[in-house]
N, C-alpha and C. Protein backbone atom coordinates (compact mmCIF):
# COMPACT_ATOMS: atom_id res chain seq x y z
N MET A 1 60.60 106.14 150.00
CA MET A 1 61.87 105.78 149.80
C MET A 1 62.04 105.05 148.41
N LEU A 2 60.97 104.29 148.00
CA LEU A 2 60.91 103.48 146.89
C LEU A 2 60.78 104.55 145.69
N GLY A 3 60.19 105.49 145.95
CA GLY A 3 59.99 106.61 144.94
C GLY A 3 61.21 107.33 144.54
N GLU A 4 62.15 107.55 145.57
CA GLU A 4 63.36 108.24 145.56
C GLU A 4 64.27 107.16 144.80
N THR A 5 64.27 105.92 145.01
CA THR A 5 65.24 105.12 144.26
C THR A 5 64.88 104.96 142.96
N LYS A 6 63.49 104.90 142.65
CA LYS A 6 62.99 104.75 141.07
C LYS A 6 63.57 106.13 140.44
N ARG A 7 63.42 107.32 141.11
CA ARG A 7 63.86 108.51 140.36
C ARG A 7 65.30 108.44 140.29
N THR A 8 66.07 108.17 141.00
CA THR A 8 67.55 107.98 140.94
C THR A 8 67.98 106.89 139.85
N PHE A 9 67.20 105.91 139.79
CA PHE A 9 67.51 104.95 138.64
C PHE A 9 67.03 105.57 137.28
N TRP A 10 66.07 106.22 137.15
CA TRP A 10 65.60 106.86 135.91
C TRP A 10 66.66 107.93 135.53
N LEU A 11 67.20 108.73 136.39
CA LEU A 11 68.06 109.67 136.17
C LEU A 11 69.33 109.09 135.55
N PHE A 12 69.82 108.00 136.27
CA PHE A 12 71.01 107.35 135.87
C PHE A 12 70.78 106.71 134.41
N ALA A 13 69.74 106.10 134.29
CA ALA A 13 69.34 105.62 132.93
C ALA A 13 69.36 106.60 131.77
N LYS A 14 68.83 107.85 132.12
CA LYS A 14 68.85 108.92 131.23
C LYS A 14 70.17 109.35 131.06
N LEU A 15 71.03 109.46 131.93
CA LEU A 15 72.68 109.82 131.71
C LEU A 15 73.22 108.86 130.83
N LEU A 16 73.04 107.49 131.04
CA LEU A 16 73.57 106.53 130.21
C LEU A 16 73.19 106.65 128.71
N VAL A 17 71.86 106.81 128.56
CA VAL A 17 71.44 106.91 127.23
C VAL A 17 71.93 108.23 126.55
N SER A 18 71.97 109.42 127.24
CA SER A 18 72.74 110.47 126.66
C SER A 18 74.20 110.39 126.40
N LEU A 19 74.74 109.84 127.25
CA LEU A 19 76.30 109.50 126.78
C LEU A 19 76.48 108.61 125.61
N SER A 20 75.50 107.50 125.45
CA SER A 20 75.59 106.72 124.48
C SER A 20 75.17 107.36 123.07
N LEU A 21 74.24 108.33 123.28
CA LEU A 21 73.84 109.04 121.92
C LEU A 21 75.07 110.16 121.57
N SER A 22 75.62 110.71 122.57
CA SER A 22 76.53 111.83 122.18
C SER A 22 77.94 111.54 122.32
N ALA A 23 78.53 110.34 122.72
CA ALA A 23 79.74 109.97 122.70
C ALA A 23 80.06 108.55 122.19
N SER A 24 81.16 108.43 121.68
CA SER A 24 81.61 107.15 121.30
C SER A 24 82.16 106.23 122.44
N ALA A 25 82.24 105.04 122.06
CA ALA A 25 82.74 104.17 123.12
C ALA A 25 84.21 104.74 123.56
N THR A 26 85.13 105.08 122.65
CA THR A 26 86.48 105.55 122.96
C THR A 26 86.33 106.89 123.89
N GLU A 27 85.32 107.69 123.42
CA GLU A 27 85.26 108.93 124.35
C GLU A 27 84.73 108.65 125.77
N ILE A 28 83.85 107.67 125.95
CA ILE A 28 83.36 107.11 127.25
C ILE A 28 84.68 106.69 127.89
N TYR A 29 85.34 105.70 127.29
CA TYR A 29 86.61 105.06 127.89
C TYR A 29 87.54 106.26 128.37
N ASP A 30 87.87 107.26 127.43
CA ASP A 30 88.78 108.44 127.86
C ASP A 30 88.21 108.96 129.09
N ARG A 31 86.95 109.35 129.06
CA ARG A 31 86.31 110.12 130.19
C ARG A 31 86.48 109.42 131.57
N ALA A 32 86.38 107.94 131.54
CA ALA A 32 86.50 107.21 132.64
C ALA A 32 88.12 107.21 132.93
N GLY A 33 88.92 107.05 132.10
CA GLY A 33 90.23 107.18 132.18
C GLY A 33 90.75 108.33 133.02
N ARG A 34 90.27 109.56 132.49
CA ARG A 34 90.65 110.81 133.12
C ARG A 34 90.22 110.98 134.49
N ARG A 35 89.14 110.28 134.79
CA ARG A 35 88.42 110.31 136.22
C ARG A 35 89.43 109.53 137.12
N SER A 36 89.85 108.38 136.64
CA SER A 36 90.67 107.67 137.29
C SER A 36 92.18 107.97 137.56
N GLY A 37 92.42 109.11 136.73
CA GLY A 37 93.82 109.72 136.69
C GLY A 37 94.65 109.05 135.62
N MET A 38 94.09 108.20 134.67
CA MET A 38 94.84 107.67 133.60
C MET A 38 94.41 107.92 132.23
N SER A 39 95.14 108.58 131.42
CA SER A 39 94.59 108.81 130.12
C SER A 39 95.70 108.32 129.21
N HIS A 40 95.30 108.25 128.04
CA HIS A 40 96.15 107.56 126.90
C HIS A 40 96.05 108.43 125.64
N ARG A 41 97.23 108.24 124.81
CA ARG A 41 97.24 109.01 123.73
C ARG A 41 97.66 108.02 122.71
N ALA A 42 97.48 108.28 121.44
CA ALA A 42 97.66 107.38 120.25
C ALA A 42 99.10 107.57 119.78
N ASN A 43 99.85 106.49 119.47
CA ASN A 43 100.92 106.44 118.86
C ASN A 43 101.13 105.51 117.82
N TYR A 44 102.24 105.80 116.93
CA TYR A 44 102.21 104.64 115.82
C TYR A 44 103.69 104.62 115.29
N ALA A 45 104.03 103.74 114.40
CA ALA A 45 105.14 103.63 113.68
C ALA A 45 105.13 103.19 112.21
N ARG A 46 105.68 103.87 111.38
CA ARG A 46 105.38 103.55 109.94
C ARG A 46 106.58 102.97 109.54
N CYS A 47 106.28 101.52 108.77
CA CYS A 47 107.24 100.68 108.47
C CYS A 47 107.10 100.53 106.97
N SER A 48 108.27 100.84 106.30
CA SER A 48 108.16 100.92 104.77
C SER A 48 108.90 99.54 104.28
N PHE A 49 108.34 98.74 103.37
CA PHE A 49 108.69 97.55 102.94
C PHE A 49 108.99 97.64 101.30
N GLN A 50 108.03 97.96 100.49
CA GLN A 50 108.00 98.15 99.05
C GLN A 50 108.74 96.59 98.62
N GLN A 51 108.26 95.60 98.97
CA GLN A 51 108.70 94.23 98.68
C GLN A 51 107.83 93.47 97.99
N HIS A 52 108.38 92.68 96.96
CA HIS A 52 107.56 91.78 96.20
C HIS A 52 107.56 90.23 96.72
N LEU A 53 106.59 89.57 96.94
CA LEU A 53 106.70 88.26 97.59
C LEU A 53 106.19 87.43 96.57
N GLY A 54 106.79 86.24 96.14
CA GLY A 54 106.22 85.55 95.22
C GLY A 54 107.08 84.19 95.01
N PRO A 55 106.70 83.36 94.10
CA PRO A 55 107.50 82.14 93.82
C PRO A 55 108.60 82.40 92.91
N SER A 56 108.59 83.44 92.18
CA SER A 56 109.74 83.99 91.38
C SER A 56 109.86 85.42 91.11
N ALA A 57 110.82 85.88 90.59
CA ALA A 57 111.03 87.18 90.56
C ALA A 57 110.21 87.90 89.26
N ASP A 58 109.76 87.12 88.47
CA ASP A 58 108.93 87.47 87.35
C ASP A 58 107.46 87.03 87.47
N SER A 59 106.96 86.80 88.83
CA SER A 59 105.72 86.39 89.01
C SER A 59 104.80 87.65 89.09
N LEU A 60 105.44 88.85 89.30
CA LEU A 60 104.64 90.02 88.94
C LEU A 60 105.52 91.00 88.39
N ASP A 61 104.92 92.08 87.44
CA ASP A 61 105.82 92.95 86.64
C ASP A 61 105.91 94.30 87.34
N VAL A 62 106.76 94.26 88.43
CA VAL A 62 107.00 95.47 89.32
C VAL A 62 108.30 95.77 89.67
N SER A 63 108.90 96.59 88.68
CA SER A 63 110.13 96.79 88.71
C SER A 63 110.65 97.81 89.99
N TRP A 64 109.79 98.42 90.43
CA TRP A 64 109.90 99.39 91.54
C TRP A 64 109.93 98.55 93.04
N ALA A 65 109.60 97.34 93.21
CA ALA A 65 109.56 96.70 94.37
C ALA A 65 110.75 95.70 94.30
N ASP A 66 111.30 95.43 95.54
CA ASP A 66 112.45 94.35 95.65
C ASP A 66 111.88 93.05 95.71
N PHE A 67 112.33 92.07 95.01
CA PHE A 67 111.91 90.68 95.03
C PHE A 67 112.53 90.20 96.45
N SER A 68 111.61 89.64 97.20
CA SER A 68 112.17 88.94 98.57
C SER A 68 111.81 87.56 98.58
N GLY A 69 111.12 86.92 97.86
CA GLY A 69 110.87 85.46 97.90
C GLY A 69 109.66 85.36 98.83
N ASP A 70 109.91 84.50 99.81
CA ASP A 70 108.65 84.03 100.59
C ASP A 70 108.44 84.95 101.86
N SER A 71 109.31 85.93 102.15
CA SER A 71 109.11 86.62 103.34
C SER A 71 109.81 88.10 102.99
N THR A 72 109.21 89.23 103.65
CA THR A 72 109.83 90.52 103.66
C THR A 72 111.12 90.42 104.58
N ASP A 73 111.72 91.42 104.70
CA ASP A 73 112.58 91.73 105.76
C ASP A 73 112.01 92.10 106.94
N GLN A 74 112.60 91.78 108.04
CA GLN A 74 111.96 92.35 109.43
C GLN A 74 112.22 93.62 109.57
N VAL A 75 111.21 94.60 109.71
CA VAL A 75 111.30 95.94 109.91
C VAL A 75 111.14 96.29 111.29
N GLY A 76 112.23 96.97 111.72
CA GLY A 76 112.23 97.36 113.42
C GLY A 76 111.29 98.71 113.55
N PHE A 77 110.63 98.81 114.58
CA PHE A 77 110.18 100.00 114.98
C PHE A 77 110.08 99.96 116.60
N THR A 78 110.12 101.21 117.17
CA THR A 78 110.32 101.38 118.69
C THR A 78 108.97 101.59 119.34
N VAL A 79 108.68 100.90 120.45
CA VAL A 79 107.66 101.34 121.38
C VAL A 79 108.01 101.98 122.60
N PRO A 80 107.72 103.18 122.97
CA PRO A 80 108.53 103.94 124.00
C PRO A 80 107.61 103.67 125.29
N THR A 81 106.73 102.69 125.41
CA THR A 81 105.90 102.36 126.65
C THR A 81 105.89 100.99 126.99
N ASP A 82 106.00 100.80 128.27
CA ASP A 82 105.97 99.38 128.69
C ASP A 82 104.34 98.80 128.85
N ALA A 83 103.37 99.75 128.54
CA ALA A 83 102.12 99.30 128.69
C ALA A 83 101.23 99.75 127.33
N PRO A 84 101.68 99.27 126.09
CA PRO A 84 100.84 99.56 125.00
C PRO A 84 99.44 98.93 125.07
N VAL A 85 98.36 99.75 124.57
CA VAL A 85 97.04 99.23 124.83
C VAL A 85 96.35 99.30 123.21
N GLU A 86 95.60 98.23 122.99
CA GLU A 86 94.69 98.20 121.74
C GLU A 86 95.58 98.45 120.46
N PRO A 87 96.77 97.57 120.35
CA PRO A 87 97.61 97.65 119.11
C PRO A 87 96.87 97.03 117.89
N TYR A 88 97.18 97.63 116.76
CA TYR A 88 96.91 97.01 115.48
C TYR A 88 97.72 97.61 114.36
N VAL A 89 97.54 96.97 113.18
CA VAL A 89 98.36 97.20 112.13
C VAL A 89 97.49 97.50 110.96
N GLU A 90 97.82 98.59 110.17
CA GLU A 90 97.32 98.74 108.79
C GLU A 90 98.41 98.67 107.76
N MET A 91 98.02 98.00 106.51
CA MET A 91 98.96 97.78 105.67
C MET A 91 98.43 98.05 104.23
N GLN A 92 99.28 98.44 103.35
CA GLN A 92 99.05 98.52 101.83
C GLN A 92 99.69 97.27 101.26
N VAL A 93 98.70 96.47 100.37
CA VAL A 93 99.16 95.51 99.88
C VAL A 93 98.64 95.51 98.37
N TYR A 94 99.34 94.72 97.54
CA TYR A 94 99.11 94.82 96.01
C TYR A 94 98.79 93.49 95.54
N GLU A 95 97.74 93.15 94.91
CA GLU A 95 97.44 91.82 94.38
C GLU A 95 97.45 90.65 95.13
N VAL A 96 97.07 90.63 96.39
CA VAL A 96 96.81 89.48 97.18
C VAL A 96 95.76 88.57 96.70
N GLY A 97 96.19 87.32 96.44
CA GLY A 97 95.32 86.33 95.84
C GLY A 97 94.88 85.29 96.91
N GLU A 98 95.32 85.08 98.11
CA GLU A 98 95.12 84.21 99.21
C GLU A 98 94.93 84.69 100.35
N PHE A 99 94.10 83.91 101.28
CA PHE A 99 93.97 84.24 102.70
C PHE A 99 95.15 83.77 103.51
N SER A 100 95.88 82.97 103.05
CA SER A 100 96.76 82.04 104.02
C SER A 100 98.18 82.63 104.31
N HIS A 101 98.47 83.91 103.71
CA HIS A 101 99.64 84.59 104.17
C HIS A 101 99.61 85.03 105.64
N GLU A 102 100.79 85.38 106.29
CA GLU A 102 100.81 85.65 107.54
C GLU A 102 101.64 86.86 107.78
N ILE A 103 101.23 87.56 109.15
CA ILE A 103 102.04 88.83 109.49
C ILE A 103 102.63 88.21 110.82
N ARG A 104 103.85 88.51 110.97
CA ARG A 104 104.48 88.32 112.37
C ARG A 104 104.99 89.49 112.99
N VAL A 105 104.76 89.55 114.34
CA VAL A 105 105.12 90.66 115.16
C VAL A 105 105.95 90.05 116.16
N ASN A 106 107.31 90.53 116.23
CA ASN A 106 108.34 89.97 117.17
C ASN A 106 108.41 88.45 116.97
N GLY A 107 108.27 87.97 115.75
CA GLY A 107 108.49 86.47 115.45
C GLY A 107 107.16 85.54 115.81
N THR A 108 105.99 86.24 116.34
CA THR A 108 104.80 85.54 116.62
C THR A 108 103.80 85.87 115.54
N GLU A 109 103.19 84.84 115.03
CA GLU A 109 102.03 85.16 114.15
C GLU A 109 100.91 85.78 114.77
N LEU A 110 100.35 86.64 113.99
CA LEU A 110 98.89 87.12 114.46
C LEU A 110 97.95 86.10 114.28
N THR A 111 96.75 86.28 114.99
CA THR A 111 95.80 85.27 115.04
C THR A 111 94.77 85.47 113.76
N GLY A 112 94.14 84.47 113.41
CA GLY A 112 93.22 84.42 112.27
C GLY A 112 93.75 84.90 111.01
N PHE A 113 92.97 85.02 109.80
CA PHE A 113 93.74 85.50 108.67
C PHE A 113 94.06 86.73 108.68
N ASP A 114 95.27 87.23 108.18
CA ASP A 114 95.97 88.59 108.43
C ASP A 114 95.51 89.46 107.25
N ILE A 115 95.65 88.84 105.97
CA ILE A 115 95.59 89.83 104.91
C ILE A 115 94.62 89.19 103.84
N ALA A 116 93.59 90.03 103.67
CA ALA A 116 92.54 89.45 102.83
C ALA A 116 93.03 89.71 101.27
N PRO A 117 92.49 88.60 100.38
CA PRO A 117 92.62 88.95 99.01
C PRO A 117 91.96 90.06 98.33
N GLY A 118 92.44 90.69 97.36
CA GLY A 118 91.98 91.86 96.47
C GLY A 118 92.83 92.07 95.41
N GLU A 119 92.06 92.69 94.39
CA GLU A 119 92.80 92.92 93.11
C GLU A 119 93.23 94.45 93.23
N GLY A 120 94.52 94.71 92.68
CA GLY A 120 95.05 96.01 92.72
C GLY A 120 95.66 96.36 94.24
N TRP A 121 95.58 97.64 94.39
CA TRP A 121 95.88 98.21 95.82
C TRP A 121 94.79 98.01 96.66
N GLN A 122 95.16 97.56 98.02
CA GLN A 122 94.09 97.38 99.14
C GLN A 122 94.73 97.87 100.35
N TYR A 123 93.89 98.16 101.25
CA TYR A 123 94.40 98.87 102.60
C TYR A 123 93.66 97.90 103.65
N TRP A 124 94.22 97.27 104.29
CA TRP A 124 93.72 96.41 105.47
C TRP A 124 94.18 96.77 106.77
N MET A 125 93.34 96.30 107.69
CA MET A 125 93.80 96.42 109.28
C MET A 125 93.65 94.97 109.89
N ASP A 126 94.52 94.79 110.86
CA ASP A 126 94.33 93.51 111.60
C ASP A 126 94.90 93.95 112.98
N THR A 127 94.22 93.16 114.01
CA THR A 127 94.55 93.31 115.39
C THR A 127 95.88 92.67 115.97
N ILE A 128 96.66 93.25 116.85
CA ILE A 128 97.67 92.61 117.44
C ILE A 128 97.30 92.57 118.79
N ALA A 129 97.79 91.45 119.37
CA ALA A 129 97.54 91.08 120.90
C ALA A 129 98.35 92.05 121.70
N ALA A 130 97.88 92.74 122.58
CA ALA A 130 98.78 93.68 123.42
C ALA A 130 99.91 93.16 124.08
N THR A 131 100.08 91.83 124.25
CA THR A 131 101.21 91.02 124.69
C THR A 131 102.27 90.78 123.77
N GLN A 132 101.95 91.07 122.41
CA GLN A 132 102.94 91.01 121.28
C GLN A 132 103.87 92.10 121.26
N LEU A 133 103.50 93.38 121.60
CA LEU A 133 104.29 94.44 121.64
C LEU A 133 104.94 94.60 123.04
N HIS A 134 106.20 94.95 123.03
CA HIS A 134 106.97 95.37 124.32
C HIS A 134 107.70 96.62 124.08
N GLN A 135 108.19 97.27 125.31
CA GLN A 135 108.85 98.24 125.23
C GLN A 135 110.29 98.25 124.53
N GLY A 136 110.62 99.08 123.63
CA GLY A 136 112.00 99.14 123.02
C GLY A 136 111.65 98.61 121.50
N GLU A 137 112.66 98.04 121.00
CA GLU A 137 112.60 97.61 119.66
C GLU A 137 111.69 96.44 119.34
N ASN A 138 110.86 96.50 118.54
CA ASN A 138 109.89 95.39 118.10
C ASN A 138 110.19 95.33 116.49
N THR A 139 109.76 94.07 115.92
CA THR A 139 109.75 93.86 114.52
C THR A 139 108.60 93.39 114.00
N ILE A 140 108.12 93.61 112.66
CA ILE A 140 107.21 93.29 111.91
C ILE A 140 107.74 92.72 110.66
N GLN A 141 107.01 91.54 110.13
CA GLN A 141 107.43 90.84 108.98
C GLN A 141 106.22 90.27 108.34
N PHE A 142 106.28 90.14 106.95
CA PHE A 142 105.11 89.48 106.20
C PHE A 142 105.74 88.11 105.63
N ARG A 143 104.84 87.01 105.71
CA ARG A 143 105.18 85.84 105.10
C ARG A 143 104.21 85.24 104.12
N ARG A 144 104.71 84.97 102.92
CA ARG A 144 103.81 84.37 101.90
C ARG A 144 103.72 82.88 102.18
N ASP A 145 102.56 82.49 101.97
CA ASP A 145 102.34 80.93 101.97
C ASP A 145 102.90 80.29 100.81
N ARG A 146 103.92 79.48 101.20
CA ARG A 146 104.65 78.71 100.16
C ARG A 146 103.82 77.68 99.52
N ASP A 147 102.72 77.26 99.97
CA ASP A 147 101.85 76.23 99.44
C ASP A 147 101.21 76.74 98.31
N THR A 148 101.18 78.14 97.87
CA THR A 148 100.39 78.71 96.78
C THR A 148 101.42 79.31 95.90
N ASP A 149 100.95 79.74 94.60
CA ASP A 149 101.65 80.23 93.73
C ASP A 149 101.48 81.85 93.55
N ASP A 150 100.90 82.12 94.66
CA ASP A 150 100.44 83.72 94.81
C ASP A 150 101.72 84.57 94.90
N ALA A 151 101.62 85.73 94.24
CA ALA A 151 102.43 86.71 94.30
C ALA A 151 101.85 88.23 94.78
N PHE A 152 102.53 88.95 95.56
CA PHE A 152 101.86 90.17 95.90
C PHE A 152 103.06 91.07 96.39
N ILE A 153 102.52 92.37 96.54
CA ILE A 153 103.60 93.28 97.16
C ILE A 153 103.16 93.85 98.48
N VAL A 154 104.07 93.99 99.27
CA VAL A 154 103.70 94.77 100.60
C VAL A 154 104.41 96.03 100.41
N GLY A 155 103.54 97.12 100.62
CA GLY A 155 104.11 98.40 100.56
C GLY A 155 104.43 99.05 101.75
N THR A 156 103.67 99.58 102.49
CA THR A 156 103.84 100.35 103.79
C THR A 156 102.84 99.75 104.88
N ALA A 157 103.40 99.50 106.10
CA ALA A 157 102.50 99.15 107.31
C ALA A 157 102.83 100.22 108.24
N VAL A 158 101.62 100.40 109.07
CA VAL A 158 101.73 101.24 110.13
C VAL A 158 101.25 100.66 111.29
N VAL A 159 101.99 100.42 112.43
CA VAL A 159 101.71 99.74 113.63
C VAL A 159 101.20 100.82 114.58
N HIS A 160 99.84 100.78 115.05
CA HIS A 160 99.32 101.68 116.06
C HIS A 160 99.20 101.19 117.39
N TRP A 161 99.16 101.95 118.38
CA TRP A 161 99.00 101.55 119.94
C TRP A 161 98.58 102.83 120.58
N LYS A 162 97.89 102.60 121.70
CA LYS A 162 97.76 103.76 122.68
C LYS A 162 98.74 103.46 123.79
N GLU A 163 99.18 104.68 124.55
CA GLU A 163 100.03 104.49 125.51
C GLU A 163 99.67 105.45 126.64
N PRO A 164 99.97 105.23 127.76
CA PRO A 164 99.59 105.95 129.06
C PRO A 164 100.30 107.42 128.89
N VAL A 165 99.51 108.50 129.44
CA VAL A 165 100.03 109.85 129.44
C VAL A 165 100.22 110.12 130.96
N GLU A 166 101.26 110.53 131.25
CA GLU A 166 101.60 110.83 132.74
C GLU A 166 101.39 112.32 133.00
């Protein structure tokens, strides 16, 4: 009996090692979801801003971006599911100089620092708590830290999530 238990353990361990070598965590998650009858697909919403945030309209020489002062417009997007999973936002930003600016989803700040400083155009990602998205209309907005003289551009943001497939 002990020999059979040992053999079963080693076969299971070998299976786990082969899965971890041949599949990403997402693939393993997806396989487990399919076995339980639940699978997910990716979805996203593209939100265009093209807005200049700063202490004054001449704080950056960018005639193609609309000056918005300390915050962008709230841009709306629709989430078609009542069960969004693993949401995050990717953003194009230009000339960010400070860590202290914030992103708000449905009026609530994201946790931690949201936008990292960088010269020129940068492309960053930040996570969103699943509880911050809800089925129907949602909003996203960028806010400049008024305690700084930093000026930057918010180009386009893409909000991603997974949703159940029935």
